[in-house]
Amino acid sequence: GKIMLQAKEENHVMQPGQVLAIGENQRIQPSKEKLQQVLAWKEQKIWFREASFETIFKTLVRWYAISVQFEGNVSTRFTGVLPTNLPLEELLSILEKGGGVHFRLKGR
């Protein structure tokens, strides 16, 4: 079905599968995210589009209860889907292969 979204004095009817966002100016605008990306967490996946490794690890810190320290300047961007039901070592291996970076685990 459809739903009505209202922000301030602006109304917008959302269609099935549509993703909208309310911007800083409180205006309703179509989101660049796809519905699949927004709901990926339900399938234990995280979608990234041109994300910095800093952004990726801010998310992984919450999923894996880890702390992260960067060494050097990492300017590589990552686009892809990461499954969160993998052990951390396997997930880091995926990032190393796709992003041209190296990780070292210390402690737990």
PDB file of N, CA and C in Angstrom:
ATOM      1  N   GLY A   1       0.795  -1.180   0.000  1.00  0.00           N
ATOM      2  CA  GLY A   1       0.000   0.000   0.000  1.00  0.00           C
ATOM      3  C   GLY A   1       0.846   1.256   0.000  1.00  0.00           C
ATOM      4  N   LYS A   2       0.180   2.348   0.091  1.00  0.00           N
ATOM      5  CA  LYS A   2       0.823   3.659   0.122  1.00  0.00           C
ATOM      6  C   LYS A   2       0.727   4.229   1.530  1.00  0.00           C
ATOM      7  N   ILE A   3       1.659   5.123   1.844  1.00  0.00           N
ATOM      8  CA  ILE A   3       1.561   5.855   3.105  1.00  0.00           C
ATOM      9  C   ILE A   3       1.840   7.322   2.837  1.00  0.00           C
ATOM     10  N   MET A   4       1.326   8.164   3.707  1.00  0.00           N
ATOM     11  CA  MET A   4       1.529   9.606   3.606  1.00  0.00           C
ATOM     12  C   MET A   4       2.625   9.991   4.596  1.00  0.00           C
ATOM     13  N   LEU A   5       3.629  10.696   4.108  1.00  0.00           N
ATOM     14  CA  LEU A   5       4.708  11.200   4.938  1.00  0.00           C
ATOM     15  C   LEU A   5       4.579  12.707   5.000  1.00  0.00           C
ATOM     16  N   GLN A   6       4.655  13.255   6.215  1.00  0.00           N
ATOM     17  CA  GLN A   6       4.509  14.696   6.381  1.00  0.00           C
ATOM     18  C   GLN A   6       5.685  15.229   7.179  1.00  0.00           C
ATOM     19  N   ALA A   7       6.302  16.295   6.675  1.00  0.00           N
ATOM     20  CA  ALA A   7       7.374  16.996   7.365  1.00  0.00           C
ATOM     21  C   ALA A   7       7.078  18.477   7.245  1.00  0.00           C
ATOM     22  N   LYS A   8       6.950  19.117   8.393  1.00  0.00           N
ATOM     23  CA  LYS A   8       6.519  20.520   8.423  1.00  0.00           C
ATOM     24  C   LYS A   8       5.211  20.639   7.657  1.00  0.00           C
ATOM     25  N   GLU A   9       5.185  21.451   6.607  1.00  0.00           N
ATOM     26  CA  GLU A   9       3.942  21.642   5.860  1.00  0.00           C
ATOM     27  C   GLU A   9       3.952  20.899   4.531  1.00  0.00           C
ATOM     28  N   GLU A  10       4.891  19.989   4.360  1.00  0.00           N
ATOM     29  CA  GLU A  10       5.033  19.261   3.103  1.00  0.00           C
ATOM     30  C   GLU A  10       4.515  17.837   3.259  1.00  0.00           C
ATOM     31  N   ASN A  11       3.718  17.383   2.318  1.00  0.00           N
ATOM     32  CA  ASN A  11       3.201  16.018   2.308  1.00  0.00           C
ATOM     33  C   ASN A  11       3.742  15.281   1.092  1.00  0.00           C
ATOM     34  N   HIS A  12       3.954  13.993   1.265  1.00  0.00           N
ATOM     35  CA  HIS A  12       4.404  13.178   0.140  1.00  0.00           C
ATOM     36  C   HIS A  12       3.807  11.784   0.309  1.00  0.00           C
ATOM     37  N   VAL A  13       3.239  11.256  -0.775  1.00  0.00           N
ATOM     38  CA  VAL A  13       2.704   9.898  -0.760  1.00  0.00           C
ATOM     39  C   VAL A  13       3.817   8.957  -1.216  1.00  0.00           C
ATOM     40  N   MET A  14       4.179   8.022  -0.339  1.00  0.00           N
ATOM     41  CA  MET A  14       5.211   7.048  -0.674  1.00  0.00           C
ATOM     42  C   MET A  14       4.586   5.868  -1.399  1.00  0.00           C
ATOM     43  N   GLN A  15       5.252   5.445  -2.448  1.00  0.00           N
ATOM     44  CA  GLN A  15       4.831   4.276  -3.205  1.00  0.00           C
ATOM     45  C   GLN A  15       5.575   3.047  -2.660  1.00  0.00           C
ATOM     46  N   PRO A  16       5.043   1.840  -2.858  1.00  0.00           N
ATOM     47  CA  PRO A  16       5.749   0.636  -2.416  1.00  0.00           C
ATOM     48  C   PRO A  16       7.154   0.566  -3.016  1.00  0.00           C
ATOM     49  N   GLY A  17       8.148   0.252  -2.181  1.00  0.00           N
ATOM     50  CA  GLY A  17       9.526   0.128  -2.627  1.00  0.00           C
ATOM     51  C   GLY A  17      10.292   1.428  -2.675  1.00  0.00           C
ATOM     52  N   GLN A  18       9.639   2.554  -2.415  1.00  0.00           N
ATOM     53  CA  GLN A  18      10.290   3.856  -2.471  1.00  0.00           C
ATOM     54  C   GLN A  18      10.936   4.174  -1.131  1.00  0.00           C
ATOM     55  N   VAL A  19      12.087   4.836  -1.166  1.00  0.00           N
ATOM     56  CA  VAL A  19      12.788   5.260   0.038  1.00  0.00           C
ATOM     57  C   VAL A  19      12.880   6.778   0.008  1.00  0.00           C
ATOM     58  N   LEU A  20      12.428   7.410   1.074  1.00  0.00           N
ATOM     59  CA  LEU A  20      12.476   8.872   1.190  1.00  0.00           C
ATOM     60  C   LEU A  20      13.304   9.244   2.411  1.00  0.00           C
ATOM     61  N   ALA A  21      13.820  10.439   2.409  1.00  0.00           N
ATOM     62  CA  ALA A  21      14.572  10.953   3.546  1.00  0.00           C
ATOM     63  C   ALA A  21      14.102  12.360   3.838  1.00  0.00           C
ATOM     64  N   ILE A  22      14.235  12.754   5.083  1.00  0.00           N
ATOM     65  CA  ILE A  22      13.950  14.135   5.460  1.00  0.00           C
ATOM     66  C   ILE A  22      15.298  14.793   5.693  1.00  0.00           C
ATOM     67  N   GLY A  23      15.632  15.772   4.846  1.00  0.00           N
ATOM     68  CA  GLY A  23      16.930  16.424   4.881  1.00  0.00           C
ATOM     69  C   GLY A  23      17.059  17.401   6.038  1.00  0.00           C
ATOM     70  N   GLU A  24      18.246  17.982   6.139  1.00  0.00           N
ATOM     71  CA  GLU A  24      18.518  18.947   7.202  1.00  0.00           C
ATOM     72  C   GLU A  24      17.571  20.132   7.149  1.00  0.00           C
ATOM     73  N   ASN A  25      17.120  20.470   5.948  1.00  0.00           N
ATOM     74  CA  ASN A  25      16.202  21.599   5.803  1.00  0.00           C
ATOM     75  C   ASN A  25      14.752  21.184   6.045  1.00  0.00           C
ATOM     76  N   GLN A  26      14.558  19.972   6.571  1.00  0.00           N
ATOM     77  CA  GLN A  26      13.239  19.425   6.880  1.00  0.00           C
ATOM     78  C   GLN A  26      12.368  19.233   5.645  1.00  0.00           C
ATOM     79  N   ARG A  27      12.990  19.092   4.477  1.00  0.00           N
ATOM     80  CA  ARG A  27      12.250  18.836   3.247  1.00  0.00           C
ATOM     81  C   ARG A  27      12.342  17.357   2.916  1.00  0.00           C
ATOM     82  N   ILE A  28      11.279  16.823   2.371  1.00  0.00           N
ATOM     83  CA  ILE A  28      11.234  15.424   1.966  1.00  0.00           C
ATOM     84  C   ILE A  28      11.918  15.291   0.612  1.00  0.00           C
ATOM     85  N   GLN A  29      12.802  14.324   0.508  1.00  0.00           N
ATOM     86  CA  GLN A  29      13.511  14.122  -0.749  1.00  0.00           C
ATOM     87  C   GLN A  29      13.724  12.626  -0.971  1.00  0.00           C
ATOM     88  N   PRO A  30      13.742  12.209  -2.239  1.00  0.00           N
ATOM     89  CA  PRO A  30      14.037  10.806  -2.524  1.00  0.00           C
ATOM     90  C   PRO A  30      15.432  10.459  -2.031  1.00  0.00           C
ATOM     91  N   SER A  31      15.582   9.294  -1.463  1.00  0.00           N
ATOM     92  CA  SER A  31      16.875   8.848  -0.971  1.00  0.00           C
ATOM     93  C   SER A  31      17.626   8.127  -2.078  1.00  0.00           C
ATOM     94  N   LYS A  32      18.947   8.205  -2.044  1.00  0.00           N
ATOM     95  CA  LYS A  32      19.767   7.485  -3.007  1.00  0.00           C
ATOM     96  C   LYS A  32      19.857   6.002  -2.650  1.00  0.00           C
ATOM     97  N   GLU A  33      19.476   5.689  -1.420  1.00  0.00           N
ATOM     98  CA  GLU A  33      19.510   4.304  -0.973  1.00  0.00           C
ATOM     99  C   GLU A  33      18.410   3.510  -1.656  1.00  0.00           C
ATOM    100  N   LYS A  34      18.689   2.263  -1.894  1.00  0.00           N
ATOM    101  CA  LYS A  34      17.675   1.364  -2.422  1.00  0.00           C
ATOM    102  C   LYS A  34      17.053   0.626  -1.249  1.00  0.00           C
ATOM    103  N   LEU A  35      15.819   0.208  -1.395  1.00  0.00           N
ATOM    104  CA  LEU A  35      15.114  -0.478  -0.319  1.00  0.00           C
ATOM    105  C   LEU A  35      15.915  -1.679   0.169  1.00  0.00           C
ATOM    106  N   GLN A  36      16.551  -2.397  -0.748  1.00  0.00           N
ATOM    107  CA  GLN A  36      17.386  -3.544  -0.383  1.00  0.00           C
ATOM    108  C   GLN A  36      18.480  -3.135   0.593  1.00  0.00           C
ATOM    109  N   GLN A  37      19.090  -1.986   0.357  1.00  0.00           N
ATOM    110  CA  GLN A  37      20.169  -1.516   1.216  1.00  0.00           C
ATOM    111  C   GLN A  37      19.659  -1.164   2.605  1.00  0.00           C
ATOM    112  N   VAL A  38      18.512  -0.504   2.648  1.00  0.00           N
ATOM    113  CA  VAL A  38      17.952  -0.066   3.923  1.00  0.00           C
ATOM    114  C   VAL A  38      17.570  -1.261   4.787  1.00  0.00           C
ATOM    115  N   LEU A  39      17.059  -2.317   4.174  1.00  0.00           N
ATOM    116  CA  LEU A  39      16.582  -3.486   4.919  1.00  0.00           C
ATOM    117  C   LEU A  39      17.601  -4.614   5.006  1.00  0.00           C
ATOM    118  N   ALA A  40      18.807  -4.395   4.533  1.00  0.00           N
ATOM    119  CA  ALA A  40      19.815  -5.455   4.496  1.00  0.00           C
ATOM    120  C   ALA A  40      20.138  -6.012   5.879  1.00  0.00           C
ATOM    121  N   TRP A  41      20.062  -5.188   6.912  1.00  0.00           N
ATOM    122  CA  TRP A  41      20.391  -5.650   8.265  1.00  0.00           C
ATOM    123  C   TRP A  41      19.537  -6.843   8.673  1.00  0.00           C
ATOM    124  N   LYS A  42      18.317  -6.933   8.132  1.00  0.00           N
ATOM    125  CA  LYS A  42      17.442  -8.058   8.463  1.00  0.00           C
ATOM    126  C   LYS A  42      18.001  -9.375   7.929  1.00  0.00           C
ATOM    127  N   GLU A  43      18.826  -9.297   6.883  1.00  0.00           N
ATOM    128  CA  GLU A  43      19.431 -10.482   6.287  1.00  0.00           C
ATOM    129  C   GLU A  43      20.891 -10.631   6.708  1.00  0.00           C
ATOM    130  N   GLN A  44      21.275  -9.943   7.763  1.00  0.00           N
ATOM    131  CA  GLN A  44      22.638  -9.957   8.294  1.00  0.00           C
ATOM    132  C   GLN A  44      23.649  -9.524   7.234  1.00  0.00           C
ATOM    133  N   LYS A  45      23.334  -8.433   6.564  1.00  0.00           N
ATOM    134  CA  LYS A  45      24.222  -7.857   5.562  1.00  0.00           C
ATOM    135  C   LYS A  45      24.294  -6.355   5.764  1.00  0.00           C
ATOM    136  N   ILE A  46      25.413  -5.785   5.364  1.00  0.00           N
ATOM    137  CA  ILE A  46      25.578  -4.332   5.396  1.00  0.00           C
ATOM    138  C   ILE A  46      26.003  -3.900   3.997  1.00  0.00           C
ATOM    139  N   TRP A  47      25.289  -2.938   3.441  1.00  0.00           N
ATOM    140  CA  TRP A  47      25.608  -2.406   2.111  1.00  0.00           C
ATOM    141  C   TRP A  47      26.424  -1.148   2.268  1.00  0.00           C
ATOM    142  N   PHE A  48      27.462  -1.018   1.444  1.00  0.00           N
ATOM    143  CA  PHE A  48      28.267   0.193   1.412  1.00  0.00           C
ATOM    144  C   PHE A  48      28.393   0.666  -0.034  1.00  0.00           C
ATOM    145  N   ARG A  49      28.296   1.967  -0.227  1.00  0.00           N
ATOM    146  CA  ARG A  49      28.497   2.552  -1.553  1.00  0.00           C
ATOM    147  C   ARG A  49      29.529   3.652  -1.440  1.00  0.00           C
ATOM    148  N   GLU A  50      30.706   3.433  -2.048  1.00  0.00           N
ATOM    149  CA  GLU A  50      31.796   4.407  -2.021  1.00  0.00           C
ATOM    150  C   GLU A  50      32.108   4.849  -0.590  1.00  0.00           C
ATOM    151  N   ALA A  51      32.108   3.882   0.338  1.00  0.00           N
ATOM    152  CA  ALA A  51      32.326   4.191   1.753  1.00  0.00           C
ATOM    153  C   ALA A  51      33.814   4.196   2.079  1.00  0.00           C
ATOM    154  N   SER A  52      34.206   5.114   2.927  1.00  0.00           N
ATOM    155  CA  SER A  52      35.581   5.126   3.415  1.00  0.00           C
ATOM    156  C   SER A  52      35.737   3.981   4.423  1.00  0.00           C
ATOM    157  N   PHE A  53      36.981   3.554   4.643  1.00  0.00           N
ATOM    158  CA  PHE A  53      37.200   2.494   5.624  1.00  0.00           C
ATOM    159  C   PHE A  53      36.871   2.983   7.031  1.00  0.00           C
ATOM    160  N   GLU A  54      36.981   4.263   7.266  1.00  0.00           N
ATOM    161  CA  GLU A  54      36.577   4.814   8.561  1.00  0.00           C
ATOM    162  C   GLU A  54      35.081   4.593   8.777  1.00  0.00           C
ATOM    163  N   THR A  55      34.286   4.849   7.755  1.00  0.00           N
ATOM    164  CA  THR A  55      32.842   4.633   7.834  1.00  0.00           C
ATOM    165  C   THR A  55      32.526   3.153   8.019  1.00  0.00           C
ATOM    166  N   ILE A  56      33.207   2.303   7.269  1.00  0.00           N
ATOM    167  CA  ILE A  56      32.970   0.860   7.370  1.00  0.00           C
ATOM    168  C   ILE A  56      33.256   0.380   8.786  1.00  0.00           C
ATOM    169  N   PHE A  57      34.379   0.826   9.345  1.00  0.00           N
ATOM    170  CA  PHE A  57      34.733   0.331  10.668  1.00  0.00           C
ATOM    171  C   PHE A  57      33.894   0.928  11.783  1.00  0.00           C
ATOM    172  N   LYS A  58      33.317   2.092  11.579  1.00  0.00           N
ATOM    173  CA  LYS A  58      32.359   2.604  12.562  1.00  0.00           C
ATOM    174  C   LYS A  58      31.180   1.643  12.669  1.00  0.00           C
ATOM    175  N   THR A  59      30.777   1.067  11.546  1.00  0.00           N
ATOM    176  CA  THR A  59      29.689   0.089  11.529  1.00  0.00           C
ATOM    177  C   THR A  59      30.145  -1.234  12.123  1.00  0.00           C
ATOM    178  N   LEU A  60      31.328  -1.703  11.737  1.00  0.00           N
ATOM    179  CA  LEU A  60      31.811  -2.993  12.227  1.00  0.00           C
ATOM    180  C   LEU A  60      32.084  -2.980  13.725  1.00  0.00           C
ATOM    181  N   VAL A  61      32.463  -1.835  14.269  1.00  0.00           N
ATOM    182  CA  VAL A  61      32.678  -1.717  15.711  1.00  0.00           C
ATOM    183  C   VAL A  61      31.400  -2.082  16.457  1.00  0.00           C
ATOM    184  N   ARG A  62      30.263  -1.668  15.936  1.00  0.00           N
ATOM    185  CA  ARG A  62      28.978  -1.985  16.581  1.00  0.00           C
ATOM    186  C   ARG A  62      28.618  -3.460  16.416  1.00  0.00           C
ATOM    187  N   TRP A  63      28.861  -4.036  15.249  1.00  0.00           N
ATOM    188  CA  TRP A  63      28.481  -5.432  14.993  1.00  0.00           C
ATOM    189  C   TRP A  63      29.385  -6.416  15.723  1.00  0.00           C
ATOM    190  N   TYR A  64      30.669  -6.128  15.809  1.00  0.00           N
ATOM    191  CA  TYR A  64      31.637  -7.103  16.327  1.00  0.00           C
ATOM    192  C   TYR A  64      32.239  -6.724  17.676  1.00  0.00           C
ATOM    193  N   ALA A  65      31.842  -5.615  18.266  1.00  0.00           N
ATOM    194  CA  ALA A  65      32.361  -5.170  19.566  1.00  0.00           C
ATOM    195  C   ALA A  65      33.893  -5.161  19.564  1.00  0.00           C
ATOM    196  N   ILE A  66      34.454  -4.447  18.602  1.00  0.00           N
ATOM    197  CA  ILE A  66      35.907  -4.338  18.468  1.00  0.00           C
ATOM    198  C   ILE A  66      36.315  -2.880  18.598  1.00  0.00           C
ATOM    199  N   SER A  67      37.599  -2.654  18.780  1.00  0.00           N
ATOM    200  CA  SER A  67      38.133  -1.295  18.679  1.00  0.00           C
ATOM    201  C   SER A  67      39.115  -1.295  17.517  1.00  0.00           C
ATOM    202  N   VAL A  68      39.258  -0.158  16.875  1.00  0.00           N
ATOM    203  CA  VAL A  68      40.033  -0.059  15.642  1.00  0.00           C
ATOM    204  C   VAL A  68      41.037   1.067  15.753  1.00  0.00           C
ATOM    205  N   GLN A  69      42.231   0.813  15.233  1.00  0.00           N
ATOM    206  CA  GLN A  69      43.255   1.853  15.148  1.00  0.00           C
ATOM    207  C   GLN A  69      43.810   1.832  13.733  1.00  0.00           C
ATOM    208  N   PHE A  70      43.762   2.972  13.049  1.00  0.00           N
ATOM    209  CA  PHE A  70      44.286   3.082  11.691  1.00  0.00           C
ATOM    210  C   PHE A  70      45.742   3.505  11.731  1.00  0.00           C
ATOM    211  N   GLU A  71      46.527   2.901  10.864  1.00  0.00           N
ATOM    212  CA  GLU A  71      47.928   3.307  10.702  1.00  0.00           C
ATOM    213  C   GLU A  71      48.096   3.736   9.257  1.00  0.00           C
ATOM    214  N   GLY A  72      48.570   4.924   9.049  1.00  0.00           N
ATOM    215  CA  GLY A  72      48.733   5.436   7.692  1.00  0.00           C
ATOM    216  C   GLY A  72      47.451   6.055   7.191  1.00  0.00           C
ATOM    217  N   ASN A  73      47.516   6.544   5.975  1.00  0.00           N
ATOM    218  CA  ASN A  73      46.370   7.202   5.359  1.00  0.00           C
ATOM    219  C   ASN A  73      45.688   6.230   4.405  1.00  0.00           C
ATOM    220  N   VAL A  74      44.439   5.911   4.684  1.00  0.00           N
ATOM    221  CA  VAL A  74      43.689   4.985   3.838  1.00  0.00           C
ATOM    222  C   VAL A  74      42.648   5.794   3.068  1.00  0.00           C
ATOM    223  N   SER A  75      42.893   5.984   1.776  1.00  0.00           N
ATOM    224  CA  SER A  75      41.972   6.781   0.971  1.00  0.00           C
ATOM    225  C   SER A  75      41.080   5.906   0.098  1.00  0.00           C
ATOM    226  N   THR A  76      41.272   4.598   0.163  1.00  0.00           N
ATOM    227  CA  THR A  76      40.483   3.662  -0.640  1.00  0.00           C
ATOM    228  C   THR A  76      39.017   3.722  -0.241  1.00  0.00           C
ATOM    229  N   ARG A  77      38.150   3.600  -1.223  1.00  0.00           N
ATOM    230  CA  ARG A  77      36.705   3.539  -0.985  1.00  0.00           C
ATOM    231  C   ARG A  77      36.214   2.139  -1.323  1.00  0.00           C
ATOM    232  N   PHE A  78      35.138   1.717  -0.671  1.00  0.00           N
ATOM    233  CA  PHE A  78      34.614   0.368  -0.855  1.00  0.00           C
ATOM    234  C   PHE A  78      33.139   0.430  -1.208  1.00  0.00           C
ATOM    235  N   THR A  79      32.772  -0.340  -2.228  1.00  0.00           N
ATOM    236  CA  THR A  79      31.375  -0.517  -2.587  1.00  0.00           C
ATOM    237  C   THR A  79      31.105  -2.014  -2.597  1.00  0.00           C
ATOM    238  N   GLY A  80      30.122  -2.427  -1.837  1.00  0.00           N
ATOM    239  CA  GLY A  80      29.800  -3.844  -1.804  1.00  0.00           C
ATOM    240  C   GLY A  80      28.934  -4.193  -0.616  1.00  0.00           C
ATOM    241  N   VAL A  81      28.671  -5.474  -0.485  1.00  0.00           N
ATOM    242  CA  VAL A  81      27.834  -6.010   0.588  1.00  0.00           C
ATOM    243  C   VAL A  81      28.712  -6.869   1.482  1.00  0.00           C
ATOM    244  N   LEU A  82      28.648  -6.626   2.776  1.00  0.00           N
ATOM    245  CA  LEU A  82      29.396  -7.430   3.731  1.00  0.00           C
ATOM    246  C   LEU A  82      28.420  -8.222   4.588  1.00  0.00           C
ATOM    247  N   PRO A  83      28.570  -9.544   4.631  1.00  0.00           N
ATOM    248  CA  PRO A  83      27.711 -10.344   5.493  1.00  0.00           C
ATOM    249  C   PRO A  83      28.200 -10.246   6.939  1.00  0.00           C
ATOM    250  N   THR A  84      27.312  -9.989   7.859  1.00  0.00           N
ATOM    251  CA  THR A  84      27.709  -9.833   9.262  1.00  0.00           C
ATOM    252  C   THR A  84      27.626 -11.130  10.042  1.00  0.00           C
ATOM    253  N   ASN A  85      27.271 -12.212   9.372  1.00  0.00           N
ATOM    254  CA  ASN A  85      27.204 -13.492  10.068  1.00  0.00           C
ATOM    255  C   ASN A  85      28.496 -14.298   9.905  1.00  0.00           C
ATOM    256  N   LEU A  86      29.544 -13.676   9.375  1.00  0.00           N
ATOM    257  CA  LEU A  86      30.847 -14.320   9.224  1.00  0.00           C
ATOM    258  C   LEU A  86      31.728 -14.001  10.419  1.00  0.00           C
ATOM    259  N   PRO A  87      32.687 -14.876  10.721  1.00  0.00           N
ATOM    260  CA  PRO A  87      33.688 -14.501  11.726  1.00  0.00           C
ATOM    261  C   PRO A  87      34.448 -13.261  11.245  1.00  0.00           C
ATOM    262  N   LEU A  88      34.907 -12.461  12.179  1.00  0.00           N
ATOM    263  CA  LEU A  88      35.590 -11.212  11.852  1.00  0.00           C
ATOM    264  C   LEU A  88      36.768 -11.435  10.906  1.00  0.00           C
ATOM    265  N   GLU A  89      37.540 -12.508  11.107  1.00  0.00           N
ATOM    266  CA  GLU A  89      38.705 -12.770  10.264  1.00  0.00           C
ATOM    267  C   GLU A  89      38.305 -12.928   8.800  1.00  0.00           C
ATOM    268  N   GLU A  90      37.204 -13.622   8.533  1.00  0.00           N
ATOM    269  CA  GLU A  90      36.742 -13.818   7.158  1.00  0.00           C
ATOM    270  C   GLU A  90      36.268 -12.495   6.540  1.00  0.00           C
ATOM    271  N   LEU A  91      35.594 -11.698   7.341  1.00  0.00           N
ATOM    272  CA  LEU A  91      35.117 -10.413   6.855  1.00  0.00           C
ATOM    273  C   LEU A  91      36.291  -9.496   6.505  1.00  0.00           C
ATOM    274  N   LEU A  92      37.310  -9.484   7.342  1.00  0.00           N
ATOM    275  CA  LEU A  92      38.495  -8.670   7.064  1.00  0.00           C
ATOM    276  C   LEU A  92      39.204  -9.155   5.809  1.00  0.00           C
ATOM    277  N   SER A  93      39.199 -10.458   5.576  1.00  0.00           N
ATOM    278  CA  SER A  93      39.804 -11.013   4.369  1.00  0.00           C
ATOM    279  C   SER A  93      39.087 -10.501   3.116  1.00  0.00           C
ATOM    280  N   ILE A  94      37.769 -10.404   3.184  1.00  0.00           N
ATOM    281  CA  ILE A  94      36.993  -9.859   2.062  1.00  0.00           C
ATOM    282  C   ILE A  94      37.401  -8.416   1.799  1.00  0.00           C
ATOM    283  N   LEU A  95      37.518  -7.628   2.852  1.00  0.00           N
ATOM    284  CA  LEU A  95      37.898  -6.222   2.707  1.00  0.00           C
ATOM    285  C   LEU A  95      39.321  -6.075   2.172  1.00  0.00           C
ATOM    286  N   GLU A  96      40.223  -6.948   2.607  1.00  0.00           N
ATOM    287  CA  GLU A  96      41.598  -6.881   2.112  1.00  0.00           C
ATOM    288  C   GLU A  96      41.650  -7.150   0.609  1.00  0.00           C
ATOM    289  N   LYS A  97      40.923  -8.143   0.165  1.00  0.00           N
ATOM    290  CA  LYS A  97      40.934  -8.499  -1.258  1.00  0.00           C
ATOM    291  C   LYS A  97      40.297  -7.406  -2.115  1.00  0.00           C
ATOM    292  N   GLY A  98      39.229  -6.805  -1.607  1.00  0.00           N
ATOM    293  CA  GLY A  98      38.505  -5.812  -2.403  1.00  0.00           C
ATOM    294  C   GLY A  98      39.012  -4.395  -2.260  1.00  0.00           C
ATOM    295  N   GLY A  99      39.775  -4.115  -1.195  1.00  0.00           N
ATOM    296  CA  GLY A  99      40.142  -2.735  -0.946  1.00  0.00           C
ATOM    297  C   GLY A  99      41.616  -2.419  -0.980  1.00  0.00           C
ATOM    298  N   GLY A 100      42.454  -3.416  -1.197  1.00  0.00           N
ATOM    299  CA  GLY A 100      43.888  -3.148  -1.258  1.00  0.00           C
ATOM    300  C   GLY A 100      44.460  -2.661   0.048  1.00  0.00           C
ATOM    301  N   VAL A 101      43.931  -3.136   1.158  1.00  0.00           N
ATOM    302  CA  VAL A 101      44.421  -2.754   2.492  1.00  0.00           C
ATOM    303  C   VAL A 101      44.791  -4.016   3.254  1.00  0.00           C
ATOM    304  N   HIS A 102      45.471  -3.835   4.396  1.00  0.00           N
ATOM    305  CA  HIS A 102      45.877  -4.978   5.226  1.00  0.00           C
ATOM    306  C   HIS A 102      45.445  -4.721   6.655  1.00  0.00           C
ATOM    307  N   PHE A 103      45.006  -5.785   7.320  1.00  0.00           N
ATOM    308  CA  PHE A 103      44.551  -5.694   8.707  1.00  0.00           C
ATOM    309  C   PHE A 103      45.389  -6.597   9.591  1.00  0.00           C
ATOM    310  N   ARG A 104      45.561  -6.180  10.834  1.00  0.00           N
ATOM    311  CA  ARG A 104      46.262  -6.976  11.813  1.00  0.00           C
ATOM    312  C   ARG A 104      45.399  -7.007  13.071  1.00  0.00           C
ATOM    313  N   LEU A 105      45.136  -8.212  13.564  1.00  0.00           N
ATOM    314  CA  LEU A 105      44.323  -8.350  14.769  1.00  0.00           C
ATOM    315  C   LEU A 105      45.230  -8.478  15.974  1.00  0.00           C
ATOM    316  N   LYS A 106      44.885  -7.767  17.042  1.00  0.00           N
ATOM    317  CA  LYS A 106      45.619  -7.870  18.296  1.00  0.00           C
ATOM    318  C   LYS A 106      44.603  -8.167  19.395  1.00  0.00           C
ATOM    319  N   GLY A 107      44.978  -9.010  20.315  1.00  0.00           N
ATOM    320  CA  GLY A 107      44.084  -9.325  21.418  1.00  0.00           C
ATOM    321  C   GLY A 107      42.921 -10.182  20.955  1.00  0.00           C
ATOM    322  N   ARG A 108      41.794  -9.953  21.564  1.00  0.00           N
ATOM    323  CA  ARG A 108      40.631 -10.774  21.213  1.00  0.00           C
ATOM    324  C   ARG A 108      40.133 -10.319  19.897  1.00  0.00           C
TER     325      ARG A 108
END
